[in-house]
Amino acid sequence: MNAPHVLQPEAVRFDADTLVDRIARVWAAKPLSSPLSAFLFAALFVAMVLLRWVFSGFPQNAYQHDIFIFTDGAWRVLHGQRPQIDFNSNLGPLMYLVTAAGFLLTHNAAHAMAVTQISFSGMIAALTAYVAFRRMRQVPAMLVTVTAFLIAICPCNTGEEPFALTYAMLYNRVGFGFLAYILVEATQPPPDSELLAALTMASSSRVVMSATTTLMRSSMARGLMA
């Protein structure tokens, strides 16, 4: 009978070192070094926006009533009422203002909420990419930008089952997307050559934190913790 094969510790160590080395090389790679690759990366976001627009009229099978919170506030804004002054709600003015802009752009069509979500997602992707690609390597910057964008544009509520399609609690998705930008700005040090830009970004992160507080009041705690 043949003796059982014994795995040598040296071989295990070699394989582990090789795996770590490969991960490190991938992490330090520069896949966006050419204009074509950068264009394709930007085209990925355009494609996701178009898909979100095409399927903007998906049937909601969870929290269907919640959409009236957005539409009611947007209708009031379009008719001259001021959020938190002429009417009160748990949502702040930013969500109502962008939703009202969506209704204006779509001529009061039902897919105005999709325009609202796409608008917020675009803001989040642009802000996150701006700070991430200045302070991180290309691969992690790509990952954090795509993640923040997908959180904001997702058709289901954050933390719930993926087939519970709804516009409900859109402010949660947008708030978490903005917080991704704040976390990158707060945890990744800028290059020495961009200290002035870092001060500008620090100020802009405070603006973003203020924006999250105007989505829903509970977002203020998330911004302060970040």
Protein backbone atom coordinates (compact mmCIF):
# COMPACT_ATOMS: atom_id res chain seq x y z
CA MET A 1 0.00 0.00 0.00
CA ASN A 2 1.30 3.40 -0.92
CA ALA A 3 2.02 5.76 1.93
CA PRO A 4 -0.38 8.71 2.14
CA HIS A 5 0.91 11.89 0.59
CA VAL A 6 2.06 14.36 3.19
CA LEU A 7 1.76 18.04 2.29
CA GLN A 8 5.04 19.74 3.03
CA PRO A 9 4.88 22.99 5.05
CA GLU A 10 7.29 24.61 2.60
CA ALA A 11 4.86 23.98 -0.27
CA VAL A 12 1.97 25.44 1.71
CA ARG A 13 3.99 28.50 2.56
CA PHE A 14 5.04 28.93 -1.06
CA ASP A 15 1.47 28.74 -2.30
CA ALA A 16 0.27 31.22 0.33
CA ASP A 17 3.07 33.63 -0.50
CA THR A 18 2.27 33.31 -4.18
CA LEU A 19 -1.41 34.04 -3.56
CA VAL A 20 -0.61 37.09 -1.44
CA ASP A 21 1.82 38.30 -4.06
CA ARG A 22 -0.79 37.95 -6.80
CA ILE A 23 -3.38 39.83 -4.74
CA ALA A 24 -0.86 42.59 -4.06
CA ARG A 25 -0.04 42.90 -7.76
CA VAL A 26 -3.73 43.09 -8.68
CA TRP A 27 -4.34 45.67 -5.92
CA ALA A 28 -1.48 47.84 -7.20
CA ALA A 29 -2.39 47.48 -10.88
CA LYS A 30 -3.37 50.47 -13.02
CA PRO A 31 -6.19 49.26 -15.26
CA LEU A 32 -7.25 52.82 -16.12
CA SER A 33 -3.87 53.93 -17.42
CA SER A 34 -5.13 54.28 -21.00
CA PRO A 35 -7.88 56.64 -22.26
CA LEU A 36 -9.80 53.67 -23.66
CA SER A 37 -9.95 51.85 -20.32
CA ALA A 38 -11.00 55.05 -18.53
CA PHE A 39 -13.72 55.55 -21.15
CA LEU A 40 -14.96 51.98 -20.68
CA PHE A 41 -15.06 52.47 -16.92
CA ALA A 42 -17.18 55.60 -17.35
CA ALA A 43 -19.35 53.78 -19.89
CA LEU A 44 -20.12 51.18 -17.21
CA PHE A 45 -21.89 53.84 -15.15
CA VAL A 46 -23.72 55.18 -18.20
CA ALA A 47 -24.95 51.66 -18.99
CA MET A 48 -26.22 51.16 -15.43
CA VAL A 49 -28.01 54.51 -15.57
CA LEU A 50 -29.67 53.56 -18.85
CA LEU A 51 -30.76 50.21 -17.42
CA ARG A 52 -32.19 51.98 -14.40
CA TRP A 53 -34.07 54.34 -16.70
CA VAL A 54 -35.41 51.58 -18.94
CA PHE A 55 -36.70 49.60 -15.95
CA SER A 56 -37.84 52.66 -14.00
CA GLY A 57 -41.45 51.51 -14.03
CA PHE A 58 -40.84 48.24 -12.22
CA PRO A 59 -43.76 47.02 -10.08
CA GLN A 60 -43.17 47.67 -6.41
CA ASN A 61 -43.78 44.64 -4.24
CA ALA A 62 -42.67 46.08 -0.90
CA TYR A 63 -43.65 49.22 1.01
CA GLN A 64 -45.76 50.49 -1.88
CA HIS A 65 -47.29 53.23 0.23
CA ASP A 66 -43.94 54.81 1.02
CA ILE A 67 -43.65 56.43 -2.40
CA PHE A 68 -46.42 58.87 -1.47
CA ILE A 69 -44.06 60.44 1.07
CA PHE A 70 -41.82 61.57 -1.79
CA THR A 71 -44.55 62.47 -4.25
CA ASP A 72 -46.56 64.43 -1.69
CA GLY A 73 -43.56 66.51 -0.65
CA ALA A 74 -42.49 67.10 -4.25
CA TRP A 75 -46.03 68.17 -5.20
CA ARG A 76 -46.04 70.65 -2.32
CA VAL A 77 -42.65 72.06 -3.37
CA LEU A 78 -43.82 72.48 -6.97
CA HIS A 79 -46.83 74.43 -5.69
CA GLY A 80 -44.77 76.87 -3.66
CA GLN A 81 -44.71 75.26 -0.22
CA ARG A 82 -41.45 75.20 1.72
CA PRO A 83 -40.30 72.01 3.46
CA GLN A 84 -40.19 72.22 7.26
CA ILE A 85 -41.84 75.64 7.10
CA ASP A 86 -45.16 75.23 5.31
CA PHE A 87 -45.32 71.47 5.92
CA ASN A 88 -43.45 69.06 8.14
CA SER A 89 -42.08 65.58 7.52
CA ASN A 90 -39.35 63.22 8.71
CA LEU A 91 -37.57 63.93 5.42
CA GLY A 92 -35.53 67.03 4.91
CA PRO A 93 -35.77 69.48 1.98
CA LEU A 94 -33.04 67.95 -0.20
CA MET A 95 -35.01 64.79 -1.00
CA TYR A 96 -38.12 66.80 -1.84
CA LEU A 97 -36.22 69.30 -3.98
CA VAL A 98 -34.52 66.64 -6.11
CA THR A 99 -37.78 64.69 -6.41
CA ALA A 100 -39.54 67.87 -7.53
CA ALA A 101 -36.82 68.37 -10.15
CA GLY A 102 -37.50 64.83 -11.33
CA PHE A 103 -41.17 65.64 -11.79
CA LEU A 104 -40.28 68.76 -13.76
CA LEU A 105 -37.92 66.85 -16.05
CA THR A 106 -40.46 64.10 -16.72
CA HIS A 107 -43.50 66.39 -16.95
CA ASN A 108 -45.06 64.78 -13.85
CA ALA A 109 -44.59 61.23 -15.10
CA ALA A 110 -44.53 58.26 -12.75
CA HIS A 111 -40.88 57.51 -13.45
CA ALA A 112 -39.84 60.80 -11.86
CA MET A 113 -38.62 58.78 -8.89
CA ALA A 114 -36.16 56.99 -11.18
CA VAL A 115 -34.82 60.37 -12.30
CA THR A 116 -34.45 61.32 -8.65
CA GLN A 117 -32.53 58.15 -7.85
CA ILE A 118 -30.33 58.46 -10.95
CA SER A 119 -29.54 62.09 -10.07
CA PHE A 120 -28.46 61.20 -6.54
CA SER A 121 -26.46 58.20 -7.80
CA GLY A 122 -24.62 60.38 -10.30
CA MET A 123 -23.70 62.89 -7.59
CA ILE A 124 -22.43 60.10 -5.36
CA ALA A 125 -20.36 58.46 -8.11
CA ALA A 126 -18.78 61.77 -9.13
CA LEU A 127 -17.89 62.81 -5.57
CA THR A 128 -16.58 59.39 -4.57
CA ALA A 129 -14.50 58.99 -7.73
CA TYR A 130 -13.06 62.49 -7.33
CA VAL A 131 -11.65 61.86 -3.88
CA ALA A 132 -10.95 58.13 -4.23
CA PHE A 133 -8.80 58.35 -7.37
CA ARG A 134 -6.76 61.16 -5.81
CA ARG A 135 -6.01 59.28 -2.59
CA MET A 136 -6.16 55.58 -3.40
CA ARG A 137 -4.73 53.21 -5.96
CA GLN A 138 -6.82 52.65 -9.03
CA VAL A 139 -8.25 49.22 -8.20
CA PRO A 140 -9.55 50.09 -4.69
CA ALA A 141 -10.75 53.46 -6.00
CA MET A 142 -12.71 51.69 -8.73
CA LEU A 143 -14.21 49.26 -6.22
CA VAL A 144 -15.33 51.91 -3.73
CA THR A 145 -16.78 54.11 -6.48
CA VAL A 146 -18.77 51.26 -8.03
CA THR A 147 -19.94 50.11 -4.58
CA ALA A 148 -21.19 53.55 -3.57
CA PHE A 149 -22.96 53.95 -6.91
CA LEU A 150 -24.61 50.52 -6.72
CA ILE A 151 -25.83 51.15 -3.17
CA ALA A 152 -27.50 54.38 -4.28
CA ILE A 153 -29.03 53.08 -7.52
CA CYS A 154 -30.16 49.69 -6.18
CA PRO A 155 -33.93 49.07 -6.70
CA CYS A 156 -34.27 47.37 -3.30
CA ASN A 157 -33.85 48.74 0.18
CA THR A 158 -30.44 48.44 1.80
CA GLY A 159 -30.09 45.31 3.92
CA GLU A 160 -33.25 43.61 2.69
CA GLU A 161 -33.89 40.82 0.23
CA PRO A 162 -32.94 41.75 -3.36
CA PHE A 163 -36.34 40.91 -4.85
CA ALA A 164 -38.24 43.34 -2.61
CA LEU A 165 -38.35 46.03 -5.31
CA THR A 166 -39.36 49.43 -4.04
CA TYR A 167 -38.64 53.15 -4.06
CA ALA A 168 -39.34 53.16 -0.32
CA MET A 169 -36.60 54.43 1.95
CA LEU A 170 -34.63 55.75 -1.00
CA TYR A 171 -33.06 58.22 1.43
CA ASN A 172 -31.28 55.30 3.14
CA ARG A 173 -29.59 54.21 -0.08
CA VAL A 174 -28.62 57.76 -0.95
CA GLY A 175 -27.39 58.45 2.57
CA PHE A 176 -25.18 55.36 2.64
CA GLY A 177 -23.80 56.31 -0.77
CA PHE A 178 -22.84 59.78 0.44
CA LEU A 179 -21.27 58.28 3.55
CA ALA A 180 -18.97 56.16 1.36
CA TYR A 181 -17.52 59.42 0.05
CA ILE A 182 -17.17 60.82 3.58
CA LEU A 183 -15.40 57.67 4.80
CA VAL A 184 -12.87 57.80 1.96
CA GLU A 185 -12.22 61.48 2.60
CA ALA A 186 -11.84 60.90 6.34
CA THR A 187 -9.63 57.79 6.27
CA GLN A 188 -7.37 58.15 3.23
CA PRO A 189 -4.64 60.79 3.65
CA PRO A 190 -4.03 63.06 0.66
CA PRO A 191 -0.66 63.36 -1.10
CA ASP A 192 1.63 66.07 0.27
CA SER A 193 1.26 67.96 -3.00
CA GLU A 194 -2.49 68.29 -2.52
CA LEU A 195 -2.79 69.70 0.98
CA LEU A 196 -4.76 72.71 -0.26
CA ALA A 197 -7.06 70.40 -2.20
CA ALA A 198 -7.40 68.27 0.95
CA LEU A 199 -8.64 71.27 2.91
CA THR A 200 -11.17 71.93 0.16
CA MET A 201 -12.28 68.30 0.23
CA ALA A 202 -12.61 68.43 4.02
CA SER A 203 -14.95 71.38 3.66
CA SER A 204 -16.90 69.61 0.94
CA SER A 205 -17.30 66.54 3.13
CA ARG A 206 -18.97 68.73 5.73
CA VAL A 207 -21.33 69.93 3.01
CA VAL A 208 -22.08 66.32 2.10
CA MET A 209 -22.67 65.47 5.77
CA SER A 210 -25.10 68.36 5.95
CA ALA A 211 -26.78 67.01 2.82
CA THR A 212 -27.26 63.62 4.45
CA THR A 213 -28.98 65.30 7.39
CA THR A 214 -31.46 66.84 4.95
CA LEU A 215 -32.33 63.43 3.53
CA MET A 216 -33.65 62.10 6.81
CA ARG A 217 -32.94 63.13 10.35
CA SER A 218 -31.47 59.76 11.33
CA SER A 219 -28.74 60.30 8.73
CA MET A 220 -27.21 62.97 10.98
CA ALA A 221 -26.00 60.31 13.41
CA ARG A 222 -24.37 58.38 10.57
CA GLY A 223 -22.57 61.48 9.34
CA LEU A 224 -21.29 62.36 12.80
CA MET A 225 -20.02 58.82 13.35
CA ALA A 226 -18.18 58.94 10.02
